[in-house]
Amino acid sequence: MASYTPRQYREQRRIQAIIGEANARQRCPICARPQGRWPSGAQRMTCGRAECYQKWLAIHPAAKEQP
């Protein structure tokens, strides 16, 4: 089993910081609009616009290391 590289740990901390800031402000991390709600009522990470959702899913770079 491969372990995380230092770069992967940095990226993990960066993503966690973005999530923490977005949730603390209750704002979309992409466009800064208020976070949306899923149909179930649960809070979304993004505002709910498709553009923001797609950008959020792609916010981290693809892994370059091979295990």
PDB file of N, CA and C in Angstrom:
ATOM      1  N   MET A   1       0.842  -1.166   0.000  1.00  0.00           N
ATOM      2  CA  MET A   1       0.000   0.000   0.000  1.00  0.00           C
ATOM      3  C   MET A   1       0.898   1.244   0.000  1.00  0.00           C
ATOM      4  N   ALA A   2       0.580   2.178  -0.869  1.00  0.00           N
ATOM      5  CA  ALA A   2       1.368   3.405  -0.973  1.00  0.00           C
ATOM      6  C   ALA A   2       0.927   4.400   0.106  1.00  0.00           C
ATOM      7  N   SER A   3       1.867   5.181   0.583  1.00  0.00           N
ATOM      8  CA  SER A   3       1.534   6.210   1.561  1.00  0.00           C
ATOM      9  C   SER A   3       1.460   7.566   0.854  1.00  0.00           C
ATOM     10  N   TYR A   4       0.863   8.527   1.534  1.00  0.00           N
ATOM     11  CA  TYR A   4       0.756   9.871   0.973  1.00  0.00           C
ATOM     12  C   TYR A   4       2.139  10.490   0.820  1.00  0.00           C
ATOM     13  N   THR A   5       2.270  11.331  -0.183  1.00  0.00           N
ATOM     14  CA  THR A   5       3.501  12.091  -0.367  1.00  0.00           C
ATOM     15  C   THR A   5       3.335  13.439   0.333  1.00  0.00           C
ATOM     16  N   PRO A   6       4.418  14.157   0.578  1.00  0.00           N
ATOM     17  CA  PRO A   6       4.290  15.488   1.175  1.00  0.00           C
ATOM     18  C   PRO A   6       3.365  16.411   0.368  1.00  0.00           C
ATOM     19  N   ARG A   7       3.419  16.316  -0.954  1.00  0.00           N
ATOM     20  CA  ARG A   7       2.541  17.151  -1.780  1.00  0.00           C
ATOM     21  C   ARG A   7       1.074  16.807  -1.546  1.00  0.00           C
ATOM     22  N   GLN A   8       0.769  15.535  -1.420  1.00  0.00           N
ATOM     23  CA  GLN A   8      -0.607  15.127  -1.175  1.00  0.00           C
ATOM     24  C   GLN A   8      -1.096  15.625   0.187  1.00  0.00           C
ATOM     25  N   TYR A   9      -0.239  15.595   1.185  1.00  0.00           N
ATOM     26  CA  TYR A   9      -0.618  16.135   2.498  1.00  0.00           C
ATOM     27  C   TYR A   9      -0.866  17.643   2.409  1.00  0.00           C
ATOM     28  N   ARG A  10      -0.022  18.362   1.677  1.00  0.00           N
ATOM     29  CA  ARG A  10      -0.232  19.812   1.495  1.00  0.00           C
ATOM     30  C   ARG A  10      -1.572  20.080   0.814  1.00  0.00           C
ATOM     31  N   GLU A  11      -1.864  19.316  -0.226  1.00  0.00           N
ATOM     32  CA  GLU A  11      -3.129  19.488  -0.940  1.00  0.00           C
ATOM     33  C   GLU A  11      -4.311  19.171  -0.037  1.00  0.00           C
ATOM     34  N   GLN A  12      -4.176  18.143   0.787  1.00  0.00           N
ATOM     35  CA  GLN A  12      -5.243  17.799   1.724  1.00  0.00           C
ATOM     36  C   GLN A  12      -5.485  18.945   2.701  1.00  0.00           C
ATOM     37  N   ARG A  13      -4.418  19.521   3.233  1.00  0.00           N
ATOM     38  CA  ARG A  13      -4.571  20.659   4.159  1.00  0.00           C
ATOM     39  C   ARG A  13      -5.198  21.860   3.455  1.00  0.00           C
ATOM     40  N   ARG A  14      -4.804  22.095   2.196  1.00  0.00           N
ATOM     41  CA  ARG A  14      -5.354  23.219   1.436  1.00  0.00           C
ATOM     42  C   ARG A  14      -6.857  23.042   1.222  1.00  0.00           C
ATOM     43  N   ILE A  15      -7.277  21.854   0.832  1.00  0.00           N
ATOM     44  CA  ILE A  15      -8.703  21.582   0.604  1.00  0.00           C
ATOM     45  C   ILE A  15      -9.477  21.700   1.919  1.00  0.00           C
ATOM     46  N   GLN A  16      -8.914  21.173   3.010  1.00  0.00           N
ATOM     47  CA  GLN A  16      -9.579  21.272   4.308  1.00  0.00           C
ATOM     48  C   GLN A  16      -9.732  22.727   4.734  1.00  0.00           C
ATOM     49  N   ALA A  17      -8.739  23.554   4.448  1.00  0.00           N
ATOM     50  CA  ALA A  17      -8.826  24.974   4.785  1.00  0.00           C
ATOM     51  C   ALA A  17      -9.928  25.655   3.974  1.00  0.00           C
ATOM     52  N   ILE A  18     -10.040  25.318   2.704  1.00  0.00           N
ATOM     53  CA  ILE A  18     -11.095  25.894   1.856  1.00  0.00           C
ATOM     54  C   ILE A  18     -12.464  25.494   2.384  1.00  0.00           C
ATOM     55  N   ILE A  19     -12.610  24.223   2.733  1.00  0.00           N
ATOM     56  CA  ILE A  19     -13.885  23.736   3.264  1.00  0.00           C
ATOM     57  C   ILE A  19     -14.228  24.433   4.580  1.00  0.00           C
ATOM     58  N   GLY A  20     -13.251  24.534   5.473  1.00  0.00           N
ATOM     59  CA  GLY A  20     -13.495  25.184   6.760  1.00  0.00           C
ATOM     60  C   GLY A  20     -13.906  26.637   6.610  1.00  0.00           C
ATOM     61  N   GLU A  21     -13.219  27.359   5.740  1.00  0.00           N
ATOM     62  CA  GLU A  21     -13.548  28.777   5.508  1.00  0.00           C
ATOM     63  C   GLU A  21     -14.933  28.914   4.872  1.00  0.00           C
ATOM     64  N   ALA A  22     -15.229  28.092   3.884  1.00  0.00           N
ATOM     65  CA  ALA A  22     -16.537  28.162   3.219  1.00  0.00           C
ATOM     66  C   ALA A  22     -17.665  27.878   4.200  1.00  0.00           C
ATOM     67  N   ASN A  23     -17.488  26.860   5.036  1.00  0.00           N
ATOM     68  CA  ASN A  23     -18.536  26.526   6.001  1.00  0.00           C
ATOM     69  C   ASN A  23     -18.664  27.577   7.097  1.00  0.00           C
ATOM     70  N   ALA A  24     -17.557  28.148   7.533  1.00  0.00           N
ATOM     71  CA  ALA A  24     -17.617  29.183   8.570  1.00  0.00           C
ATOM     72  C   ALA A  24     -18.354  30.425   8.058  1.00  0.00           C
ATOM     73  N   ARG A  25     -18.121  30.760   6.807  1.00  0.00           N
ATOM     74  CA  ARG A  25     -18.777  31.941   6.218  1.00  0.00           C
ATOM     75  C   ARG A  25     -20.124  31.596   5.608  1.00  0.00           C
ATOM     76  N   GLN A  26     -20.399  30.293   5.444  1.00  0.00           N
ATOM     77  CA  GLN A  26     -21.599  29.783   4.772  1.00  0.00           C
ATOM     78  C   GLN A  26     -21.703  30.351   3.361  1.00  0.00           C
ATOM     79  N   ARG A  27     -20.560  30.341   2.687  1.00  0.00           N
ATOM     80  CA  ARG A  27     -20.456  30.871   1.325  1.00  0.00           C
ATOM     81  C   ARG A  27     -19.831  29.826   0.409  1.00  0.00           C
ATOM     82  N   CYS A  28     -20.225  29.859  -0.843  1.00  0.00           N
ATOM     83  CA  CYS A  28     -19.660  28.980  -1.863  1.00  0.00           C
ATOM     84  C   CYS A  28     -18.166  29.271  -1.992  1.00  0.00           C
ATOM     85  N   PRO A  29     -17.313  28.254  -1.987  1.00  0.00           N
ATOM     86  CA  PRO A  29     -15.873  28.498  -2.099  1.00  0.00           C
ATOM     87  C   PRO A  29     -15.459  28.947  -3.501  1.00  0.00           C
ATOM     88  N   ILE A  30     -16.349  28.873  -4.474  1.00  0.00           N
ATOM     89  CA  ILE A  30     -16.033  29.254  -5.841  1.00  0.00           C
ATOM     90  C   ILE A  30     -16.457  30.691  -6.128  1.00  0.00           C
ATOM     91  N   CYS A  31     -17.715  31.031  -5.840  1.00  0.00           N
ATOM     92  CA  CYS A  31     -18.233  32.357  -6.226  1.00  0.00           C
ATOM     93  C   CYS A  31     -18.603  33.249  -5.046  1.00  0.00           C
ATOM     94  N   ALA A  32     -18.558  32.727  -3.825  1.00  0.00           N
ATOM     95  CA  ALA A  32     -18.861  33.457  -2.585  1.00  0.00           C
ATOM     96  C   ALA A  32     -20.341  33.789  -2.405  1.00  0.00           C
ATOM     97  N   ARG A  33     -21.222  33.201  -3.217  1.00  0.00           N
ATOM     98  CA  ARG A  33     -22.662  33.325  -2.948  1.00  0.00           C
ATOM     99  C   ARG A  33     -22.987  32.454  -1.737  1.00  0.00           C
ATOM    100  N   PRO A  34     -24.150  32.647  -1.122  1.00  0.00           N
ATOM    101  CA  PRO A  34     -24.528  31.765  -0.011  1.00  0.00           C
ATOM    102  C   PRO A  34     -24.564  30.302  -0.458  1.00  0.00           C
ATOM    103  N   GLN A  35     -24.147  29.417   0.443  1.00  0.00           N
ATOM    104  CA  GLN A  35     -24.202  27.990   0.137  1.00  0.00           C
ATOM    105  C   GLN A  35     -25.654  27.581  -0.064  1.00  0.00           C
ATOM    106  N   GLY A  36     -25.859  26.652  -0.975  1.00  0.00           N
ATOM    107  CA  GLY A  36     -27.191  26.155  -1.260  1.00  0.00           C
ATOM    108  C   GLY A  36     -27.571  25.000  -0.354  1.00  0.00           C
ATOM    109  N   ARG A  37     -28.719  24.431  -0.630  1.00  0.00           N
ATOM    110  CA  ARG A  37     -29.229  23.276   0.117  1.00  0.00           C
ATOM    111  C   ARG A  37     -29.580  22.168  -0.871  1.00  0.00           C
ATOM    112  N   TRP A  38     -29.312  20.940  -0.467  1.00  0.00           N
ATOM    113  CA  TRP A  38     -29.743  19.793  -1.241  1.00  0.00           C
ATOM    114  C   TRP A  38     -31.238  19.623  -1.042  1.00  0.00           C
ATOM    115  N   PRO A  39     -31.927  18.879  -1.915  1.00  0.00           N
ATOM    116  CA  PRO A  39     -33.373  18.669  -1.736  1.00  0.00           C
ATOM    117  C   PRO A  39     -33.735  18.111  -0.356  1.00  0.00           C
ATOM    118  N   SER A  40     -32.813  17.383   0.255  1.00  0.00           N
ATOM    119  CA  SER A  40     -33.067  16.827   1.587  1.00  0.00           C
ATOM    120  C   SER A  40     -32.998  17.893   2.680  1.00  0.00           C
ATOM    121  N   GLY A  41     -32.488  19.087   2.320  1.00  0.00           N
ATOM    122  CA  GLY A  41     -32.333  20.154   3.301  1.00  0.00           C
ATOM    123  C   GLY A  41     -30.918  20.295   3.819  1.00  0.00           C
ATOM    124  N   ALA A  42     -30.057  19.328   3.490  1.00  0.00           N
ATOM    125  CA  ALA A  42     -28.665  19.381   3.938  1.00  0.00           C
ATOM    126  C   ALA A  42     -27.926  20.512   3.220  1.00  0.00           C
ATOM    127  N   GLN A  43     -27.006  21.135   3.922  1.00  0.00           N
ATOM    128  CA  GLN A  43     -26.220  22.227   3.353  1.00  0.00           C
ATOM    129  C   GLN A  43     -25.289  21.706   2.273  1.00  0.00           C
ATOM    130  N   ARG A  44     -25.186  22.439   1.176  1.00  0.00           N
ATOM    131  CA  ARG A  44     -24.258  22.104   0.096  1.00  0.00           C
ATOM    132  C   ARG A  44     -22.934  22.794   0.359  1.00  0.00           C
ATOM    133  N   MET A  45     -21.867  22.341  -0.301  1.00  0.00           N
ATOM    134  CA  MET A  45     -20.589  23.043  -0.231  1.00  0.00           C
ATOM    135  C   MET A  45     -20.644  24.273  -1.126  1.00  0.00           C
ATOM    136  N   THR A  46     -21.278  24.144  -2.299  1.00  0.00           N
ATOM    137  CA  THR A  46     -21.344  25.264  -3.250  1.00  0.00           C
ATOM    138  C   THR A  46     -22.704  25.934  -3.173  1.00  0.00           C
ATOM    139  N   CYS A  47     -22.867  26.965  -3.989  1.00  0.00           N
ATOM    140  CA  CYS A  47     -24.139  27.684  -4.042  1.00  0.00           C
ATOM    141  C   CYS A  47     -25.224  26.868  -4.731  1.00  0.00           C
ATOM    142  N   GLY A  48     -24.823  25.861  -5.483  1.00  0.00           N
ATOM    143  CA  GLY A  48     -25.786  25.015  -6.179  1.00  0.00           C
ATOM    144  C   GLY A  48     -25.789  25.224  -7.683  1.00  0.00           C
ATOM    145  N   ARG A  49     -25.119  26.266  -8.162  1.00  0.00           N
ATOM    146  CA  ARG A  49     -25.028  26.458  -9.613  1.00  0.00           C
ATOM    147  C   ARG A  49     -24.146  25.355 -10.184  1.00  0.00           C
ATOM    148  N   ALA A  50     -24.515  24.862 -11.357  1.00  0.00           N
ATOM    149  CA  ALA A  50     -23.766  23.769 -11.992  1.00  0.00           C
ATOM    150  C   ALA A  50     -22.309  24.155 -12.224  1.00  0.00           C
ATOM    151  N   GLU A  51     -22.057  25.400 -12.611  1.00  0.00           N
ATOM    152  CA  GLU A  51     -20.687  25.847 -12.880  1.00  0.00           C
ATOM    153  C   GLU A  51     -19.820  25.753 -11.620  1.00  0.00           C
ATOM    154  N   CYS A  52     -20.359  26.187 -10.514  1.00  0.00           N
ATOM    155  CA  CYS A  52     -19.609  26.141  -9.257  1.00  0.00           C
ATOM    156  C   CYS A  52     -19.405  24.707  -8.805  1.00  0.00           C
ATOM    157  N   TYR A  53     -20.427  23.893  -8.954  1.00  0.00           N
ATOM    158  CA  TYR A  53     -20.318  22.486  -8.560  1.00  0.00           C
ATOM    159  C   TYR A  53     -19.211  21.794  -9.349  1.00  0.00           C
ATOM    160  N   GLN A  54     -19.176  22.003 -10.664  1.00  0.00           N
ATOM    161  CA  GLN A  54     -18.146  21.384 -11.494  1.00  0.00           C
ATOM    162  C   GLN A  54     -16.754  21.896 -11.138  1.00  0.00           C
ATOM    163  N   LYS A  55     -16.627  23.192 -10.875  1.00  0.00           N
ATOM    164  CA  LYS A  55     -15.326  23.744 -10.484  1.00  0.00           C
ATOM    165  C   LYS A  55     -14.899  23.189  -9.128  1.00  0.00           C
ATOM    166  N   TRP A  56     -15.839  23.036  -8.205  1.00  0.00           N
ATOM    167  CA  TRP A  56     -15.507  22.495  -6.890  1.00  0.00           C
ATOM    168  C   TRP A  56     -15.003  21.063  -7.021  1.00  0.00           C
ATOM    169  N   LEU A  57     -15.637  20.275  -7.861  1.00  0.00           N
ATOM    170  CA  LEU A  57     -15.196  18.889  -8.039  1.00  0.00           C
ATOM    171  C   LEU A  57     -13.795  18.813  -8.627  1.00  0.00           C
ATOM    172  N   ALA A  58     -13.403  19.825  -9.375  1.00  0.00           N
ATOM    173  CA  ALA A  58     -12.090  19.830 -10.038  1.00  0.00           C
ATOM    174  C   ALA A  58     -11.068  20.697  -9.312  1.00  0.00           C
ATOM    175  N   ILE A  59     -11.334  21.074  -8.064  1.00  0.00           N
ATOM    176  CA  ILE A  59     -10.466  22.037  -7.369  1.00  0.00           C
ATOM    177  C   ILE A  59      -9.099  21.469  -7.017  1.00  0.00           C
ATOM    178  N   HIS A  60      -8.989  20.178  -6.918  1.00  0.00           N
ATOM    179  CA  HIS A  60      -7.691  19.596  -6.590  1.00  0.00           C
ATOM    180  C   HIS A  60      -7.047  19.018  -7.848  1.00  0.00           C
ATOM    181  N   PRO A  61      -5.740  19.130  -7.973  1.00  0.00           N
ATOM    182  CA  PRO A  61      -5.075  18.595  -9.160  1.00  0.00           C
ATOM    183  C   PRO A  61      -5.068  17.066  -9.141  1.00  0.00           C
ATOM    184  N   ALA A  62      -5.018  16.498 -10.308  1.00  0.00           N
ATOM    185  CA  ALA A  62      -4.962  15.037 -10.416  1.00  0.00           C
ATOM    186  C   ALA A  62      -3.633  14.548  -9.831  1.00  0.00           C
ATOM    187  N   ALA A  63      -3.680  13.398  -9.211  1.00  0.00           N
ATOM    188  CA  ALA A  63      -2.458  12.825  -8.631  1.00  0.00           C
ATOM    189  C   ALA A  63      -1.477  12.495  -9.744  1.00  0.00           C
ATOM    190  N   LYS A  64      -0.230  12.836  -9.519  1.00  0.00           N
ATOM    191  CA  LYS A  64       0.794  12.567 -10.513  1.00  0.00           C
ATOM    192  C   LYS A  64       1.673  11.391 -10.118  1.00  0.00           C
ATOM    193  N   GLU A  65       1.671  11.043  -8.847  1.00  0.00           N
ATOM    194  CA  GLU A  65       2.480   9.930  -8.384  1.00  0.00           C
ATOM    195  C   GLU A  65       1.767   8.618  -8.659  1.00  0.00           C
ATOM    196  N   GLN A  66       2.518   7.621  -8.979  1.00  0.00           N
ATOM    197  CA  GLN A  66       1.986   6.273  -9.140  1.00  0.00           C
ATOM    198  C   GLN A  66       2.322   5.481  -7.875  1.00  0.00           C
ATOM    199  N   PRO A  67       1.347   4.716  -7.359  1.00  0.00           N
ATOM    200  CA  PRO A  67       1.637   3.919  -6.148  1.00  0.00           C
ATOM    201  C   PRO A  67       2.691   2.852  -6.403  1.00  0.00           C
TER     202      PRO A  67
END
